[in-house]
């Protein structure tokens, strides 16, 4: 092996050491900075999803609540729901009505159901 080849191998060894040092530094940064940030981001996303679920649940009305809201008989509302004439949500075996969907439906259908 000549002098140039020896020098090249030394430089390769130094570069490899620097590369490993860089990898170690990136691992430290990842553990100290990125991991907590990701955890914070994950927590924020979970909070937002939970908040959306709560808002959606609070918008959902029972048959009685919706009948009172629309000022119709519960039986009439059930007929409409069973015939698919009004937007519904099913939660297990229970019928629920989303207030926003009902508001939109009633706005578009007021002439057909309110007499």
C-alpha atoms as a PDB file:
ATOM      1  CA  UNK A   1       0.000   0.000   0.000  1.00  0.00           C
ATOM      2  CA  UNK A   2       1.425   3.365  -0.942  1.00  0.00           C
ATOM      3  CA  UNK A   3       1.260   6.612   1.023  1.00  0.00           C
ATOM      4  CA  UNK A   4      -1.769   7.925  -0.856  1.00  0.00           C
ATOM      5  CA  UNK A   5      -3.815   4.818  -0.152  1.00  0.00           C
ATOM      6  CA  UNK A   6      -2.911   4.937   3.546  1.00  0.00           C
ATOM      7  CA  UNK A   7      -3.963   8.587   3.656  1.00  0.00           C
ATOM      8  CA  UNK A   8      -7.245   7.788   1.920  1.00  0.00           C
ATOM      9  CA  UNK A   9      -8.035   5.048   4.452  1.00  0.00           C
ATOM     10  CA  UNK A  10      -7.223   7.401   7.351  1.00  0.00           C
ATOM     11  CA  UNK A  11      -9.584   9.985   5.886  1.00  0.00           C
ATOM     12  CA  UNK A  12     -12.256   7.346   5.452  1.00  0.00           C
ATOM     13  CA  UNK A  13     -11.818   6.292   9.086  1.00  0.00           C
ATOM     14  CA  UNK A  14     -12.102   9.938  10.241  1.00  0.00           C
ATOM     15  CA  UNK A  15     -15.181  10.469   8.086  1.00  0.00           C
ATOM     16  CA  UNK A  16     -16.735   7.302   9.519  1.00  0.00           C
ATOM     17  CA  UNK A  17     -16.035   8.512  13.085  1.00  0.00           C
ATOM     18  CA  UNK A  18     -17.618  11.887  12.280  1.00  0.00           C
ATOM     19  CA  UNK A  19     -20.598  10.158  10.694  1.00  0.00           C
ATOM     20  CA  UNK A  20     -21.136   8.005  13.814  1.00  0.00           C
ATOM     21  CA  UNK A  21     -20.762  11.090  16.035  1.00  0.00           C
ATOM     22  CA  UNK A  22     -23.370  12.850  13.920  1.00  0.00           C
ATOM     23  CA  UNK A  23     -25.744   9.891  14.205  1.00  0.00           C
ATOM     24  CA  UNK A  24     -25.264   9.878  17.992  1.00  0.00           C
ATOM     25  CA  UNK A  25     -25.948  13.625  18.139  1.00  0.00           C
ATOM     26  CA  UNK A  26     -29.090  13.224  16.046  1.00  0.00           C
ATOM     27  CA  UNK A  27     -30.305  10.469  18.375  1.00  0.00           C
ATOM     28  CA  UNK A  28     -29.811  12.779  21.355  1.00  0.00           C
ATOM     29  CA  UNK A  29     -31.650  15.615  19.607  1.00  0.00           C
ATOM     30  CA  UNK A  30     -34.414  13.240  18.651  1.00  0.00           C
ATOM     31  CA  UNK A  31     -34.838  11.970  22.205  1.00  0.00           C
ATOM     32  CA  UNK A  32     -34.607  15.382  23.854  1.00  0.00           C
ATOM     33  CA  UNK A  33     -36.412  17.613  21.384  1.00  0.00           C
ATOM     34  CA  UNK A  34     -38.335  15.762  18.740  1.00  0.00           C
ATOM     35  CA  UNK A  35     -39.850  13.008  20.885  1.00  0.00           C
ATOM     36  CA  UNK A  36     -41.410  15.442  23.408  1.00  0.00           C
ATOM     37  CA  UNK A  37     -42.651  17.622  20.550  1.00  0.00           C
ATOM     38  CA  UNK A  38     -44.239  14.604  18.862  1.00  0.00           C
ATOM     39  CA  UNK A  39     -45.838  13.567  22.147  1.00  0.00           C
ATOM     40  CA  UNK A  40     -47.189  17.098  22.597  1.00  0.00           C
ATOM     41  CA  UNK A  41     -48.522  17.037  19.051  1.00  0.00           C
ATOM     42  CA  UNK A  42     -50.132  13.630  19.648  1.00  0.00           C
ATOM     43  CA  UNK A  43     -51.758  14.926  22.840  1.00  0.00           C
ATOM     44  CA  UNK A  44     -53.035  18.020  21.032  1.00  0.00           C
ATOM     45  CA  UNK A  45     -54.557  15.868  18.288  1.00  0.00           C
ATOM     46  CA  UNK A  46     -56.230  13.604  20.860  1.00  0.00           C
ATOM     47  CA  UNK A  47     -57.674  16.644  22.663  1.00  0.00           C
ATOM     48  CA  UNK A  48     -59.030  18.056  19.412  1.00  0.00           C
ATOM     49  CA  UNK A  49     -60.584  14.722  18.440  1.00  0.00           C
ATOM     50  CA  UNK A  50     -62.140  14.377  21.872  1.00  0.00           C
ATOM     51  CA  UNK A  51     -63.477  17.923  21.656  1.00  0.00           C
ATOM     52  CA  UNK A  52     -65.016  17.196  18.247  1.00  0.00           C
ATOM     53  CA  UNK A  53     -66.642  14.041  19.625  1.00  0.00           C
ATOM     54  CA  UNK A  54     -68.102  15.974  22.557  1.00  0.00           C
ATOM     55  CA  UNK A  55     -69.433  18.676  20.228  1.00  0.00           C
ATOM     56  CA  UNK A  56     -70.945  16.059  17.936  1.00  0.00           C
ATOM     57  CA  UNK A  57     -72.542  14.243  20.864  1.00  0.00           C
ATOM     58  CA  UNK A  58     -74.012  17.470  22.245  1.00  0.00           C
ATOM     59  CA  UNK A  59     -75.546  18.155  18.815  1.00  0.00           C
ATOM     60  CA  UNK A  60     -77.268  14.773  18.773  1.00  0.00           C
ATOM     61  CA  UNK A  61     -80.881  14.761  19.858  1.00  0.00           C
ATOM     62  CA  UNK A  62     -83.235  11.960  20.843  1.00  0.00           C
ATOM     63  CA  UNK A  63     -86.565  11.333  19.126  1.00  0.00           C
ATOM     64  CA  UNK A  64     -88.377  13.261  21.866  1.00  0.00           C
ATOM     65  CA  UNK A  65     -85.960  16.196  21.746  1.00  0.00           C
ATOM     66  CA  UNK A  66     -86.168  16.363  17.964  1.00  0.00           C
ATOM     67  CA  UNK A  67     -89.958  16.071  17.932  1.00  0.00           C
ATOM     68  CA  UNK A  68     -90.160  18.918  20.451  1.00  0.00           C
ATOM     69  CA  UNK A  69     -87.614  20.905  18.454  1.00  0.00           C
ATOM     70  CA  UNK A  70     -89.606  20.485  15.214  1.00  0.00           C
ATOM     71  CA  UNK A  71     -92.950  20.693  17.016  1.00  0.00           C
ATOM     72  CA  UNK A  72     -94.223  17.416  15.568  1.00  0.00           C
ATOM     73  CA  UNK A  73     -95.464  14.203  17.139  1.00  0.00           C
ATOM     74  CA  UNK A  74     -92.860  11.573  18.018  1.00  0.00           C
ATOM     75  CA  UNK A  75     -94.756   9.041  15.904  1.00  0.00           C
ATOM     76  CA  UNK A  76     -94.575  11.318  12.857  1.00  0.00           C
ATOM     77  CA  UNK A  77     -90.854  11.764  13.382  1.00  0.00           C
ATOM     78  CA  UNK A  78     -90.357   8.010  13.663  1.00  0.00           C
ATOM     79  CA  UNK A  79     -92.282   7.440  10.422  1.00  0.00           C
ATOM     80  CA  UNK A  80     -90.119  10.032   8.650  1.00  0.00           C
ATOM     81  CA  UNK A  81     -86.975   8.409  10.062  1.00  0.00           C
ATOM     82  CA  UNK A  82     -88.044   4.883   9.080  1.00  0.00           C
ATOM     83  CA  UNK A  83     -88.924   6.050   5.571  1.00  0.00           C
ATOM     84  CA  UNK A  84     -85.628   7.903   5.218  1.00  0.00           C
ATOM     85  CA  UNK A  85     -87.350  11.246   4.820  1.00  0.00           C
ATOM     86  CA  UNK A  86     -85.287  12.917   7.536  1.00  0.00           C
ATOM     87  CA  UNK A  87     -81.546  12.554   8.283  1.00  0.00           C
ATOM     88  CA  UNK A  88     -80.827  10.224  11.189  1.00  0.00           C
ATOM     89  CA  UNK A  89     -77.908   8.683  12.999  1.00  0.00           C
ATOM     90  CA  UNK A  90     -77.968   5.241  14.533  1.00  0.00           C
ATOM     91  CA  UNK A  91     -76.176   4.704  17.818  1.00  0.00           C
ATOM     92  CA  UNK A  92     -76.509   1.031  18.540  1.00  0.00           C
ATOM     93  CA  UNK A  93     -80.272   0.521  18.200  1.00  0.00           C
ATOM     94  CA  UNK A  94     -81.174   4.110  19.051  1.00  0.00           C
ATOM     95  CA  UNK A  95     -82.144   6.790  16.529  1.00  0.00           C
ATOM     96  CA  UNK A  96     -80.471  10.149  16.976  1.00  0.00           C
ATOM     97  CA  UNK A  97     -80.743  13.366  15.038  1.00  0.00           C
ATOM     98  CA  UNK A  98     -77.903  15.804  14.403  1.00  0.00           C
ATOM     99  CA  UNK A  99     -79.145  19.309  15.147  1.00  0.00           C
ATOM    100  CA  UNK A 100     -77.228  20.820  12.211  1.00  0.00           C
ATOM    101  CA  UNK A 101     -78.601  18.246   9.783  1.00  0.00           C
ATOM    102  CA  UNK A 102     -82.121  18.779  11.135  1.00  0.00           C
ATOM    103  CA  UNK A 103     -81.780  22.550  10.787  1.00  0.00           C
ATOM    104  CA  UNK A 104     -80.682  22.151   7.176  1.00  0.00           C
ATOM    105  CA  UNK A 105     -83.381  19.558   6.469  1.00  0.00           C
ATOM    106  CA  UNK A 106     -86.103  21.735   7.984  1.00  0.00           C
ATOM    107  CA  UNK A 107     -84.895  24.761   6.036  1.00  0.00           C
ATOM    108  CA  UNK A 108     -85.122  22.803   2.775  1.00  0.00           C
ATOM    109  CA  UNK A 109     -88.347  20.924   3.627  1.00  0.00           C
ATOM    110  CA  UNK A 110     -90.373  23.343   5.716  1.00  0.00           C
ATOM    111  CA  UNK A 111     -93.158  23.567   3.141  1.00  0.00           C
ATOM    112  CA  UNK A 112     -93.702  19.787   3.151  1.00  0.00           C
ATOM    113  CA  UNK A 113     -93.990  19.126   6.887  1.00  0.00           C
ATOM    114  CA  UNK A 114     -95.127  22.304   8.616  1.00  0.00           C
ATOM    115  CA  UNK A 115     -98.774  23.117   8.035  1.00  0.00           C
END
